[in-house]
C-alpha atoms as a PDB file:
ATOM      1  CA  MET A   1     -48.009  26.777 -29.374  1.00  0.00           C
ATOM      2  CA  SER A   2     -45.987  25.435 -26.630  1.00  0.00           C
ATOM      3  CA  GLN A   3     -43.605  23.239 -27.586  1.00  0.00           C
ATOM      4  CA  LYS A   4     -43.204  20.039 -26.484  1.00  0.00           C
ATOM      5  CA  PRO A   5     -39.625  19.269 -24.404  1.00  0.00           C
ATOM      6  CA  ASP A   6     -36.840  16.863 -26.185  1.00  0.00           C
ATOM      7  CA  LYS A   7     -36.628  13.616 -24.952  1.00  0.00           C
ATOM      8  CA  THR A   8     -33.309  11.949 -24.012  1.00  0.00           C
ATOM      9  CA  VAL A   9     -32.703   9.005 -25.517  1.00  0.00           C
ATOM     10  CA  VAL A  10     -31.255   6.348 -23.502  1.00  0.00           C
ATOM     11  CA  GLN A  11     -29.751   2.748 -25.431  1.00  0.00           C
ATOM     12  CA  ALA A  12     -32.118  -0.072 -23.748  1.00  0.00           C
ATOM     13  CA  ASP A  13     -29.292  -2.399 -25.379  1.00  0.00           C
ATOM     14  CA  GLU A  14     -26.947  -2.223 -22.305  1.00  0.00           C
ATOM     15  CA  ARG A  15     -26.474  -6.122 -21.680  1.00  0.00           C
ATOM     16  CA  PRO A  16     -23.635  -8.074 -20.865  1.00  0.00           C
ATOM     17  CA  LYS A  17     -21.801  -9.711 -23.766  1.00  0.00           C
ATOM     18  CA  VAL A  18     -19.548 -12.457 -23.864  1.00  0.00           C
ATOM     19  CA  ARG A  19     -15.763 -11.166 -23.566  1.00  0.00           C
ATOM     20  CA  TYR A  20     -12.844 -12.171 -25.487  1.00  0.00           C
ATOM     21  CA  ILE A  21      -8.958 -11.992 -23.426  1.00  0.00           C
ATOM     22  CA  THR A  22      -5.831 -13.119 -25.292  1.00  0.00           C
ATOM     23  CA  ILE A  23      -3.125 -14.162 -22.406  1.00  0.00           C
ATOM     24  CA  ASP A  24      -0.255 -11.982 -22.839  1.00  0.00           C
ATOM     25  CA  SER A  25       2.774 -12.652 -21.762  1.00  0.00           C
ATOM     26  CA  GLU A  26       2.189 -10.614 -18.246  1.00  0.00           C
ATOM     27  CA  ASP A  27      -0.224 -12.659 -17.619  1.00  0.00           C
ATOM     28  CA  ALA A  28       1.018 -16.307 -18.515  1.00  0.00           C
ATOM     29  CA  GLY A  29       1.693 -18.396 -16.026  1.00  0.00           C
ATOM     30  CA  GLN A  30      -1.184 -17.854 -13.143  1.00  0.00           C
ATOM     31  CA  ARG A  31      -3.858 -19.209 -12.528  1.00  0.00           C
ATOM     32  CA  VAL A  32      -7.374 -18.612 -14.124  1.00  0.00           C
ATOM     33  CA  ASP A  33      -9.235 -18.182 -10.867  1.00  0.00           C
ATOM     34  CA  ASN A  34      -6.807 -15.483  -9.665  1.00  0.00           C
ATOM     35  CA  PHE A  35      -6.380 -14.193 -13.110  1.00  0.00           C
ATOM     36  CA  LEU A  36     -10.403 -13.314 -13.230  1.00  0.00           C
ATOM     37  CA  LEU A  37     -10.748 -12.376  -9.516  1.00  0.00           C
ATOM     38  CA  ARG A  38      -8.104  -9.732 -10.788  1.00  0.00           C
ATOM     39  CA  THR A  39     -10.152  -8.859 -14.132  1.00  0.00           C
ATOM     40  CA  LEU A  40     -13.756  -9.211 -13.422  1.00  0.00           C
ATOM     41  CA  LYS A  41     -13.675  -6.524 -10.368  1.00  0.00           C
ATOM     42  CA  GLY A  42     -17.039  -6.604  -8.282  1.00  0.00           C
ATOM     43  CA  VAL A  43     -18.131 -10.675  -9.247  1.00  0.00           C
ATOM     44  CA  PRO A  44     -18.364 -12.545  -6.075  1.00  0.00           C
ATOM     45  CA  LYS A  45     -16.128 -15.247  -6.118  1.00  0.00           C
ATOM     46  CA  SER A  46     -18.730 -17.878  -5.826  1.00  0.00           C
ATOM     47  CA  HIS A  47     -20.133 -16.954  -8.619  1.00  0.00           C
ATOM     48  CA  LEU A  48     -16.669 -17.087 -10.797  1.00  0.00           C
ATOM     49  CA  TYR A  49     -16.137 -20.508  -9.013  1.00  0.00           C
ATOM     50  CA  ARG A  50     -19.814 -21.412 -10.272  1.00  0.00           C
ATOM     51  CA  LEU A  51     -18.954 -20.320 -14.293  1.00  0.00           C
ATOM     52  CA  LEU A  52     -16.395 -22.125 -14.221  1.00  0.00           C
ATOM     53  CA  ARG A  53     -18.089 -25.426 -12.940  1.00  0.00           C
ATOM     54  CA  LYS A  54     -20.434 -24.617 -15.012  1.00  0.00           C
ATOM     55  CA  GLY A  55     -18.214 -24.231 -18.695  1.00  0.00           C
ATOM     56  CA  GLU A  56     -19.270 -20.687 -18.941  1.00  0.00           C
ATOM     57  CA  ILE A  57     -15.828 -19.709 -18.521  1.00  0.00           C
ATOM     58  CA  ARG A  58     -13.070 -21.470 -21.125  1.00  0.00           C
ATOM     59  CA  VAL A  59      -9.731 -21.660 -22.784  1.00  0.00           C
ATOM     60  CA  ASN A  60      -9.290 -22.649 -25.815  1.00  0.00           C
ATOM     61  CA  LYS A  61     -12.866 -23.461 -26.457  1.00  0.00           C
ATOM     62  CA  LYS A  62     -12.611 -25.988 -23.478  1.00  0.00           C
ATOM     63  CA  ARG A  63     -13.934 -26.678 -19.812  1.00  0.00           C
ATOM     64  CA  ILE A  64     -10.858 -25.697 -17.638  1.00  0.00           C
ATOM     65  CA  LYS A  65     -10.590 -26.242 -13.387  1.00  0.00           C
ATOM     66  CA  PRO A  66      -9.825 -23.240 -10.991  1.00  0.00           C
ATOM     67  CA  VAL A  67      -6.318 -24.357 -11.296  1.00  0.00           C
ATOM     68  CA  TYR A  68      -5.136 -24.047 -14.532  1.00  0.00           C
ATOM     69  CA  LYS A  69      -2.297 -21.912 -15.623  1.00  0.00           C
ATOM     70  CA  LEU A  70      -2.960 -19.594 -18.143  1.00  0.00           C
ATOM     71  CA  ALA A  71       0.044 -19.765 -21.431  1.00  0.00           C
ATOM     72  CA  ILE A  72       0.092 -17.209 -23.864  1.00  0.00           C
ATOM     73  CA  ASP A  73      -2.187 -16.471 -26.533  1.00  0.00           C
ATOM     74  CA  ASP A  74      -4.662 -18.638 -24.833  1.00  0.00           C
ATOM     75  CA  ILE A  75      -8.072 -17.052 -25.513  1.00  0.00           C
ATOM     76  CA  LEU A  76     -10.036 -17.051 -22.735  1.00  0.00           C
ATOM     77  CA  ARG A  77     -14.076 -16.860 -23.354  1.00  0.00           C
ATOM     78  CA  ILE A  78     -16.268 -15.182 -20.874  1.00  0.00           C
ATOM     79  CA  ALA A  79     -19.690 -15.636 -20.586  1.00  0.00           C
ATOM     80  CA  PRO A  80     -22.196 -12.490 -20.488  1.00  0.00           C
ATOM     81  CA  ILE A  81     -21.755 -11.716 -16.745  1.00  0.00           C
ATOM     82  CA  ARG A  82     -23.684  -8.699 -15.214  1.00  0.00           C
ATOM     83  CA  VAL A  83     -20.995  -7.155 -12.950  1.00  0.00           C
ATOM     84  CA  SER A  84     -23.072  -5.338 -10.104  1.00  0.00           C
ATOM     85  CA  GLU A  85     -22.111  -1.868  -8.918  1.00  0.00           C
ATOM     86  CA  LYS A  86     -20.954  -1.494  -5.276  1.00  0.00           C
ATOM     87  CA  LYS A  87     -23.167   0.743  -3.124  1.00  0.00           C
ATOM     88  CA  ASP A  88     -19.943   2.122  -1.695  1.00  0.00           C
ATOM     89  CA  ALA A  89     -17.908   2.570  -5.049  1.00  0.00           C
ATOM     90  CA  VAL A  90     -15.077   4.699  -4.694  1.00  0.00           C
ATOM     91  CA  SER A  91     -15.761   8.411  -6.287  1.00  0.00           C
ATOM     92  CA  THR A  92     -13.209  10.363  -7.503  1.00  0.00           C
ATOM     93  CA  GLY A  93     -14.903  13.645  -6.611  1.00  0.00           C
ATOM     94  CA  LEU A  94     -13.705  12.979  -2.662  1.00  0.00           C
ATOM     95  CA  ASN A  95     -11.443  15.177  -2.001  1.00  0.00           C
ATOM     96  CA  ILE A  96      -9.280  12.259  -0.657  1.00  0.00           C
ATOM     97  CA  VAL A  97      -8.884  10.798  -3.527  1.00  0.00           C
ATOM     98  CA  ALA A  98      -8.990  13.444  -5.846  1.00  0.00           C
ATOM     99  CA  ASN A  99      -5.466  14.968  -3.334  1.00  0.00           C
ATOM    100  CA  LEU A 100      -3.970  11.877  -3.886  1.00  0.00           C
ATOM    101  CA  GLU A 101      -3.327  12.609  -7.902  1.00  0.00           C
ATOM    102  CA  LYS A 102      -1.261  14.910  -6.362  1.00  0.00           C
ATOM    103  CA  GLN A 103       1.215  13.032  -3.873  1.00  0.00           C
ATOM    104  CA  ILE A 104       1.889  11.222  -7.025  1.00  0.00           C
ATOM    105  CA  LEU A 105       5.758  11.002  -7.289  1.00  0.00           C
ATOM    106  CA  PHE A 106       6.273   8.757 -10.050  1.00  0.00           C
ATOM    107  CA  GLU A 107       4.851   7.045 -12.747  1.00  0.00           C
ATOM    108  CA  ASP A 108       5.123   4.983 -16.167  1.00  0.00           C
ATOM    109  CA  ASP A 109       2.981   1.763 -17.457  1.00  0.00           C
ATOM    110  CA  ARG A 110       5.090  -0.311 -15.345  1.00  0.00           C
ATOM    111  CA  LEU A 111       4.557   1.700 -11.648  1.00  0.00           C
ATOM    112  CA  ILE A 112       3.541   4.382  -9.931  1.00  0.00           C
ATOM    113  CA  VAL A 113       5.388   5.197  -6.581  1.00  0.00           C
ATOM    114  CA  ILE A 114       2.938   7.551  -4.266  1.00  0.00           C
ATOM    115  CA  ASN A 115       3.670   9.878  -1.223  1.00  0.00           C
ATOM    116  CA  LYS A 116       0.427   8.254   1.162  1.00  0.00           C
ATOM    117  CA  PRO A 117      -1.115  10.365   3.176  1.00  0.00           C
ATOM    118  CA  SER A 118      -1.015   9.603   6.959  1.00  0.00           C
ATOM    119  CA  GLY A 119      -4.689   7.910   8.340  1.00  0.00           C
ATOM    120  CA  MET A 120      -5.131   6.482   4.924  1.00  0.00           C
ATOM    121  CA  ALA A 121      -4.937   2.476   5.075  1.00  0.00           C
ATOM    122  CA  VAL A 122      -2.999   0.540   1.909  1.00  0.00           C
ATOM    123  CA  HIS A 123      -6.573  -1.272   1.698  1.00  0.00           C
ATOM    124  CA  GLY A 124      -9.800  -1.645   2.692  1.00  0.00           C
ATOM    125  CA  GLY A 125     -11.113  -3.957   5.325  1.00  0.00           C
ATOM    126  CA  SER A 126     -12.005  -3.650   9.022  1.00  0.00           C
ATOM    127  CA  GLY A 127     -14.860  -0.925   8.591  1.00  0.00           C
ATOM    128  CA  LEU A 128     -13.327   0.729   5.888  1.00  0.00           C
ATOM    129  CA  SER A 129     -14.863   1.132   2.910  1.00  0.00           C
ATOM    130  CA  PHE A 130     -11.835   2.035   1.042  1.00  0.00           C
ATOM    131  CA  GLY A 131      -8.135   2.859   0.795  1.00  0.00           C
ATOM    132  CA  LEU A 132      -5.126   3.682  -1.119  1.00  0.00           C
ATOM    133  CA  ILE A 133      -4.965   0.871  -3.838  1.00  0.00           C
ATOM    134  CA  GLU A 134      -9.236   1.395  -4.565  1.00  0.00           C
ATOM    135  CA  ALA A 135      -8.854   5.187  -4.861  1.00  0.00           C
ATOM    136  CA  LEU A 136      -6.173   4.171  -7.054  1.00  0.00           C
ATOM    137  CA  ARG A 137      -8.211   2.063  -9.235  1.00  0.00           C
ATOM    138  CA  ALA A 138     -10.744   4.783  -9.162  1.00  0.00           C
ATOM    139  CA  LEU A 139      -8.201   7.533 -10.379  1.00  0.00           C
ATOM    140  CA  ARG A 140      -7.057   5.007 -12.824  1.00  0.00           C
ATOM    141  CA  PRO A 141      -9.564   2.695 -14.061  1.00  0.00           C
ATOM    142  CA  ASP A 142      -8.162   1.916 -17.474  1.00  0.00           C
ATOM    143  CA  ALA A 143      -5.701   0.110 -15.817  1.00  0.00           C
ATOM    144  CA  ARG A 144      -5.814  -3.706 -16.102  1.00  0.00           C
ATOM    145  CA  MET A 145      -3.796  -4.099 -13.109  1.00  0.00           C
ATOM    146  CA  LEU A 146      -3.087  -2.496  -9.647  1.00  0.00           C
ATOM    147  CA  GLU A 147      -1.266  -4.144  -7.142  1.00  0.00           C
ATOM    148  CA  LEU A 148       0.768  -3.059  -3.643  1.00  0.00           C
ATOM    149  CA  VAL A 149       4.584  -4.544  -3.825  1.00  0.00           C
ATOM    150  CA  HIS A 150       4.811  -3.251  -0.241  1.00  0.00           C
ATOM    151  CA  ARG A 151       2.567  -1.969   2.479  1.00  0.00           C
ATOM    152  CA  LEU A 152       2.841   1.113   5.477  1.00  0.00           C
ATOM    153  CA  ASP A 153       0.909   0.790   8.553  1.00  0.00           C
ATOM    154  CA  ARG A 154      -2.092   3.266   8.099  1.00  0.00           C
ATOM    155  CA  ASP A 155      -0.498   6.082  10.237  1.00  0.00           C
ATOM    156  CA  THR A 156       3.016   6.244   8.511  1.00  0.00           C
ATOM    157  CA  SER A 157       2.907   8.351   5.226  1.00  0.00           C
ATOM    158  CA  GLY A 158       5.504   8.199   2.572  1.00  0.00           C
ATOM    159  CA  CYS A 159       6.657   6.398  -0.191  1.00  0.00           C
ATOM    160  CA  LEU A 160       4.385   3.639  -1.199  1.00  0.00           C
ATOM    161  CA  VAL A 161       5.143   1.140  -4.951  1.00  0.00           C
ATOM    162  CA  VAL A 162       1.974   0.114  -6.600  1.00  0.00           C
ATOM    163  CA  ALA A 163       2.705  -2.453 -10.021  1.00  0.00           C
ATOM    164  CA  LYS A 164       0.412  -1.821 -13.168  1.00  0.00           C
ATOM    165  CA  LYS A 165       2.221  -5.349 -14.194  1.00  0.00           C
ATOM    166  CA  ARG A 166       2.319  -8.537 -13.133  1.00  0.00           C
ATOM    167  CA  SER A 167       6.131  -8.957 -14.816  1.00  0.00           C
ATOM    168  CA  ALA A 168       6.891  -5.730 -12.853  1.00  0.00           C
ATOM    169  CA  LEU A 169       5.130  -7.402  -9.260  1.00  0.00           C
ATOM    170  CA  ARG A 170       7.391 -10.391  -9.670  1.00  0.00           C
ATOM    171  CA  HIS A 171      10.588  -8.316 -10.289  1.00  0.00           C
ATOM    172  CA  LEU A 172      10.035  -5.905  -7.086  1.00  0.00           C
ATOM    173  CA  HIS A 173       8.796  -9.012  -4.760  1.00  0.00           C
ATOM    174  CA  GLU A 174      12.566 -10.444  -6.270  1.00  0.00           C
ATOM    175  CA  GLN A 175      14.470  -7.512  -4.901  1.00  0.00           C
ATOM    176  CA  LEU A 176      12.330  -6.821  -1.688  1.00  0.00           C
ATOM    177  CA  ARG A 177      13.013 -11.126  -1.166  1.00  0.00           C
ATOM    178  CA  ASN A 178      16.901 -10.580  -1.921  1.00  0.00           C
ATOM    179  CA  LYS A 179      17.085  -6.912   0.063  1.00  0.00           C
ATOM    180  CA  LYS A 180      17.728  -4.931  -3.010  1.00  0.00           C
ATOM    181  CA  VAL A 181      15.157  -2.187  -2.263  1.00  0.00           C
ATOM    182  CA  GLN A 182      16.056   0.110   0.382  1.00  0.00           C
ATOM    183  CA  LYS A 183      13.700   1.944   2.015  1.00  0.00           C
ATOM    184  CA  PHE A 184      14.625   5.499   4.608  1.00  0.00           C
ATOM    185  CA  TYR A 185      12.312   6.729   7.025  1.00  0.00           C
ATOM    186  CA  HIS A 186      12.791  10.059   9.177  1.00  0.00           C
ATOM    187  CA  ALA A 187      11.037  10.026  12.916  1.00  0.00           C
ATOM    188  CA  LEU A 188      10.877  12.282  15.720  1.00  0.00           C
ATOM    189  CA  VAL A 189      11.715   9.968  18.608  1.00  0.00           C
ATOM    190  CA  LYS A 190      11.939  11.218  22.349  1.00  0.00           C
ATOM    191  CA  GLY A 191      14.837  12.679  24.142  1.00  0.00           C
ATOM    192  CA  HIS A 192      18.548  12.490  23.161  1.00  0.00           C
ATOM    193  CA  TRP A 193      19.461   9.345  20.753  1.00  0.00           C
ATOM    194  CA  PRO A 194      22.629   8.234  21.610  1.00  0.00           C
ATOM    195  CA  THR A 195      24.968   8.706  18.238  1.00  0.00           C
ATOM    196  CA  LYS A 196      26.694   5.479  18.498  1.00  0.00           C
ATOM    197  CA  LEU A 197      23.036   3.917  18.794  1.00  0.00           C
ATOM    198  CA  THR A 198      23.525   2.733  15.277  1.00  0.00           C
ATOM    199  CA  ARG A 199      21.803  -0.838  15.417  1.00  0.00           C
ATOM    200  CA  VAL A 200      18.799  -2.614  16.862  1.00  0.00           C
ATOM    201  CA  THR A 201      18.312  -6.252  16.547  1.00  0.00           C
ATOM    202  CA  GLU A 202      15.718  -7.011  18.892  1.00  0.00           C
ATOM    203  CA  GLY A 203      13.771 -10.162  17.862  1.00  0.00           C
ATOM    204  CA  LEU A 204      10.029  -9.588  17.281  1.00  0.00           C
ATOM    205  CA  ARG A 205       6.823 -11.699  17.652  1.00  0.00           C
ATOM    206  CA  LYS A 206       2.707 -10.371  16.792  1.00  0.00           C
ATOM    207  CA  ASN A 207       0.733 -10.769  20.281  1.00  0.00           C
ATOM    208  CA  ASP A 208      -2.444 -10.967  20.148  1.00  0.00           C
ATOM    209  CA  LEU A 209      -4.672  -8.744  23.343  1.00  0.00           C
ATOM    210  CA  LYS A 210      -7.307 -10.172  25.075  1.00  0.00           C
ATOM    211  CA  SER A 211      -9.240  -7.058  23.397  1.00  0.00           C
ATOM    212  CA  GLY A 212      -8.017  -8.315  19.969  1.00  0.00           C
ATOM    213  CA  GLU A 213      -5.989  -5.598  19.632  1.00  0.00           C
ATOM    214  CA  ARG A 214      -2.731  -6.663  17.712  1.00  0.00           C
ATOM    215  CA  VAL A 215       0.480  -5.393  18.909  1.00  0.00           C
ATOM    216  CA  VAL A 216       3.985  -6.447  18.407  1.00  0.00           C
ATOM    217  CA  ILE A 217       6.648  -7.267  21.581  1.00  0.00           C
ATOM    218  CA  VAL A 218      10.365  -7.812  21.795  1.00  0.00           C
ATOM    219  CA  ASP A 219      11.563 -11.120  22.129  1.00  0.00           C
ATOM    220  CA  ASN A 220      14.493 -12.953  21.323  1.00  0.00           C
ATOM    221  CA  ILE A 221      13.939 -16.242  22.119  1.00  0.00           C
ATOM    222  CA  ASN A 222      10.651 -16.878  20.009  1.00  0.00           C
ATOM    223  CA  GLY A 223      10.825 -13.840  17.562  1.00  0.00           C
ATOM    224  CA  LYS A 224      11.611 -13.291  14.481  1.00  0.00           C
ATOM    225  CA  GLU A 225      15.779 -11.837  14.298  1.00  0.00           C
ATOM    226  CA  SER A 226      14.804  -8.023  12.830  1.00  0.00           C
ATOM    227  CA  GLU A 227      17.813  -5.259  12.333  1.00  0.00           C
ATOM    228  CA  THR A 228      17.236  -1.580  12.045  1.00  0.00           C
ATOM    229  CA  ARG A 229      19.613   0.880  11.511  1.00  0.00           C
ATOM    230  CA  PHE A 230      19.390   4.255  13.014  1.00  0.00           C
ATOM    231  CA  LYS A 231      21.337   7.962  11.992  1.00  0.00           C
ATOM    232  CA  VAL A 232      20.839  11.118  13.873  1.00  0.00           C
ATOM    233  CA  LEU A 233      19.269  13.745  11.174  1.00  0.00           C
ATOM    234  CA  GLU A 234      18.712  17.042  13.574  1.00  0.00           C
ATOM    235  CA  ARG A 235      18.823  16.918  17.427  1.00  0.00           C
ATOM    236  CA  TYR A 236      15.969  19.228  19.766  1.00  0.00           C
ATOM    237  CA  ARG A 237      15.173  20.248  22.937  1.00  0.00           C
ATOM    238  CA  GLY A 238      13.826  16.988  24.160  1.00  0.00           C
ATOM    239  CA  ALA A 239      13.707  15.334  20.513  1.00  0.00           C
ATOM    240  CA  THR A 240      16.118  13.615  18.001  1.00  0.00           C
ATOM    241  CA  LEU A 241      14.741  13.526  14.607  1.00  0.00           C
ATOM    242  CA  VAL A 242      16.581  10.133  13.504  1.00  0.00           C
ATOM    243  CA  ARG A 243      17.211   8.066  10.051  1.00  0.00           C
ATOM    244  CA  ALA A 244      15.779   4.512  10.127  1.00  0.00           C
ATOM    245  CA  PHE A 245      16.803   1.551   7.655  1.00  0.00           C
ATOM    246  CA  PRO A 246      14.659  -1.270   8.123  1.00  0.00           C
ATOM    247  CA  VAL A 247      16.889  -4.280   7.066  1.00  0.00           C
ATOM    248  CA  THR A 248      14.185  -6.946   7.894  1.00  0.00           C
ATOM    249  CA  GLY A 249      10.568  -5.819   7.159  1.00  0.00           C
ATOM    250  CA  ARG A 250       8.905  -6.967  10.010  1.00  0.00           C
ATOM    251  CA  THR A 251       5.607  -5.632  11.020  1.00  0.00           C
ATOM    252  CA  HIS A 252       5.304  -2.336  12.970  1.00  0.00           C
ATOM    253  CA  GLN A 253       9.071  -3.064  13.458  1.00  0.00           C
ATOM    254  CA  ILE A 254      11.007   0.706  13.618  1.00  0.00           C
ATOM    255  CA  ARG A 255       8.053   1.818  16.126  1.00  0.00           C
ATOM    256  CA  VAL A 256       8.749  -1.084  18.540  1.00  0.00           C
ATOM    257  CA  HIS A 257      12.445  -0.572  18.058  1.00  0.00           C
ATOM    258  CA  CYS A 258      12.526   2.941  19.147  1.00  0.00           C
ATOM    259  CA  GLN A 259      10.086   2.432  21.474  1.00  0.00           C
ATOM    260  CA  VAL A 260      12.562  -0.486  23.240  1.00  0.00           C
ATOM    261  CA  SER A 261      15.600   2.153  22.640  1.00  0.00           C
ATOM    262  CA  GLY A 262      13.890   4.068  25.427  1.00  0.00           C
ATOM    263  CA  HIS A 263      12.953   6.351  22.447  1.00  0.00           C
ATOM    264  CA  ALA A 264       9.218   6.224  21.486  1.00  0.00           C
ATOM    265  CA  ILE A 265       7.871   7.899  18.150  1.00  0.00           C
ATOM    266  CA  ALA A 266       5.726  10.887  18.700  1.00  0.00           C
ATOM    267  CA  MET A 267       2.218  10.426  19.028  1.00  0.00           C
ATOM    268  CA  ASP A 268       2.489   6.673  18.800  1.00  0.00           C
ATOM    269  CA  ALA A 269      -0.589   5.289  19.842  1.00  0.00           C
ATOM    270  CA  LYS A 270       0.730   1.794  20.281  1.00  0.00           C
ATOM    271  CA  TYR A 271       4.359   2.520  21.213  1.00  0.00           C
ATOM    272  CA  GLY A 272       4.179   6.169  22.391  1.00  0.00           C
ATOM    273  CA  HIS A 273       5.146   7.894  25.632  1.00  0.00           C
ATOM    274  CA  GLU A 274       2.051   9.627  27.027  1.00  0.00           C
ATOM    275  CA  ASP A 275       4.013  12.506  27.882  1.00  0.00           C
ATOM    276  CA  PHE A 276       6.133  13.071  25.181  1.00  0.00           C
ATOM    277  CA  ASP A 277       2.669  12.897  23.105  1.00  0.00           C
ATOM    278  CA  ALA A 278       1.415  15.021  25.405  1.00  0.00           C
ATOM    279  CA  GLU A 279       4.269  17.556  24.364  1.00  0.00           C
ATOM    280  CA  MET A 280       4.465  17.456  20.969  1.00  0.00           C
ATOM    281  CA  LYS A 281       0.686  17.646  20.603  1.00  0.00           C
ATOM    282  CA  GLY A 282       0.051  20.487  22.736  1.00  0.00           C
ATOM    283  CA  LYS A 283       3.218  21.469  19.796  1.00  0.00           C
ATOM    284  CA  GLY A 284       0.300  20.865  16.960  1.00  0.00           C
ATOM    285  CA  LEU A 285       1.353  17.410  16.208  1.00  0.00           C
ATOM    286  CA  LYS A 286      -1.649  15.444  15.563  1.00  0.00           C
ATOM    287  CA  ARG A 287      -0.365  12.012  13.435  1.00  0.00           C
ATOM    288  CA  LEU A 288       2.858   9.759  14.074  1.00  0.00           C
ATOM    289  CA  PHE A 289       5.777  11.315  12.967  1.00  0.00           C
ATOM    290  CA  LEU A 290       6.806   8.427  11.052  1.00  0.00           C
ATOM    291  CA  HIS A 291       7.653   9.154   7.516  1.00  0.00           C
ATOM    292  CA  ALA A 292       9.143   7.144   4.644  1.00  0.00           C
ATOM    293  CA  ALA A 293      11.224   9.285   2.849  1.00  0.00           C
ATOM    294  CA  SER A 294      12.774   7.447   0.506  1.00  0.00           C
ATOM    295  CA  ILE A 295      13.158   4.612  -1.247  1.00  0.00           C
ATOM    296  CA  GLU A 296      15.485   3.006  -3.734  1.00  0.00           C
ATOM    297  CA  PHE A 297      15.406   0.048  -6.151  1.00  0.00           C
ATOM    298  CA  THR A 298      16.013  -1.264  -9.855  1.00  0.00           C
ATOM    299  CA  HIS A 299      13.663  -0.507 -12.086  1.00  0.00           C
ATOM    300  CA  PRO A 300      11.866  -3.701 -13.954  1.00  0.00           C
ATOM    301  CA  LEU A 301      12.298  -3.207 -17.260  1.00  0.00           C
ATOM    302  CA  THR A 302      15.258  -0.425 -17.871  1.00  0.00           C
ATOM    303  CA  GLU A 303      17.238  -2.028 -14.745  1.00  0.00           C
ATOM    304  CA  GLU A 304      18.016   1.228 -13.836  1.00  0.00           C
ATOM    305  CA  ARG A 305      18.228   2.472 -10.496  1.00  0.00           C
ATOM    306  CA  LEU A 306      15.907   4.595  -9.306  1.00  0.00           C
ATOM    307  CA  LYS A 307      16.009   6.486  -5.690  1.00  0.00           C
ATOM    308  CA  ILE A 308      12.335   8.156  -4.907  1.00  0.00           C
ATOM    309  CA  GLU A 309      11.863  10.725  -2.273  1.00  0.00           C
ATOM    310  CA  ALA A 310       8.686  12.011  -0.580  1.00  0.00           C
ATOM    311  CA  PRO A 311       8.932  15.544   0.817  1.00  0.00           C
ATOM    312  CA  LEU A 312       7.080  15.746   4.568  1.00  0.00           C
ATOM    313  CA  GLU A 313       3.980  16.803   4.768  1.00  0.00           C
ATOM    314  CA  PRO A 314       3.689  20.694   6.145  1.00  0.00           C
ATOM    315  CA  SER A 315       1.914  19.548   9.544  1.00  0.00           C
ATOM    316  CA  LEU A 316       5.550  17.549  10.148  1.00  0.00           C
ATOM    317  CA  GLU A 317       7.816  20.543   8.713  1.00  0.00           C
ATOM    318  CA  LYS A 318       5.594  22.367  11.062  1.00  0.00           C
ATOM    319  CA  LEU A 319       6.150  20.653  13.789  1.00  0.00           C
ATOM    320  CA  LEU A 320      10.170  20.638  13.145  1.00  0.00           C
ATOM    321  CA  SER A 321       9.901  24.501  12.945  1.00  0.00           C
ATOM    322  CA  LYS A 322       8.532  24.664  16.209  1.00  0.00           C
ATOM    323  CA  LEU A 323      11.271  22.513  18.236  1.00  0.00           C
ATOM    324  CA  VAL A 324      14.470  24.120  19.476  1.00  0.00           C
ATOM    325  CA  ARG A 325      17.291  22.785  18.126  1.00  0.00           C
ATOM    326  CA  GLU A 326      20.616  21.946  20.341  1.00  0.00           C
END
């Protein structure tokens, strides 16, 4: 007598429910629309504003406008909303996402510092389904908030800070504005970098080419004031490993300041030197040799001064071992 296979019982009642959120000190002070956009990821912006207009989202049982600023102990009522899962949702099974866990240099309940891989954008867009911040959100699904404190170019690797609380984000942004954050980069540049060249202050201006590509050019009249300090770390035949400290934080600052000094960074697709790049490529280099080696800042809660270092990836170490020291 054959036995019928067991049937898996599926719960039919998966309908969305009313949500109540009590606002704490972390979320107080921000506009309700901004809070909702961050909290209800996957809900279209237009839909959220429609719900606010219709009174489907209320604070303390009252209708509110999108500009309403949340206060401590406000009770936010959100009508049932079905959050559609995106087709291109980030999977934690992807190697590139799973490997990020190994790149975390520091983590507590306030922030994460990660050694960002080269070739990974900090966020999705421009044809990319996801970037580092989306991948981190997939790895930390229970984190109420994960926001970039600063950015790194897609091809640059190294220390990147992500805030887990709004208070931490505000605290670190204030440090950045007041130049209390120190970021040191390592770059392999063309030729013999002069020991006396310790400071480059060329003004920089963004420029859009006809192709639509954005580049940064030197412009000491209309450009923004910029300063990068340099120190020679190691000399090689035909190349120099330098440490760069950007006093200001302009787009592509280190890359352009190296180029204008006659010492382009190895494998820089925008500002590089063709012959030097060909030589480094022949030695196995496949990426821009610019790495955010360390970052130093004051912890938003403990007020302790932290210095976090990110090791060079093996491919960069391997390249340096192939170069002849002078």
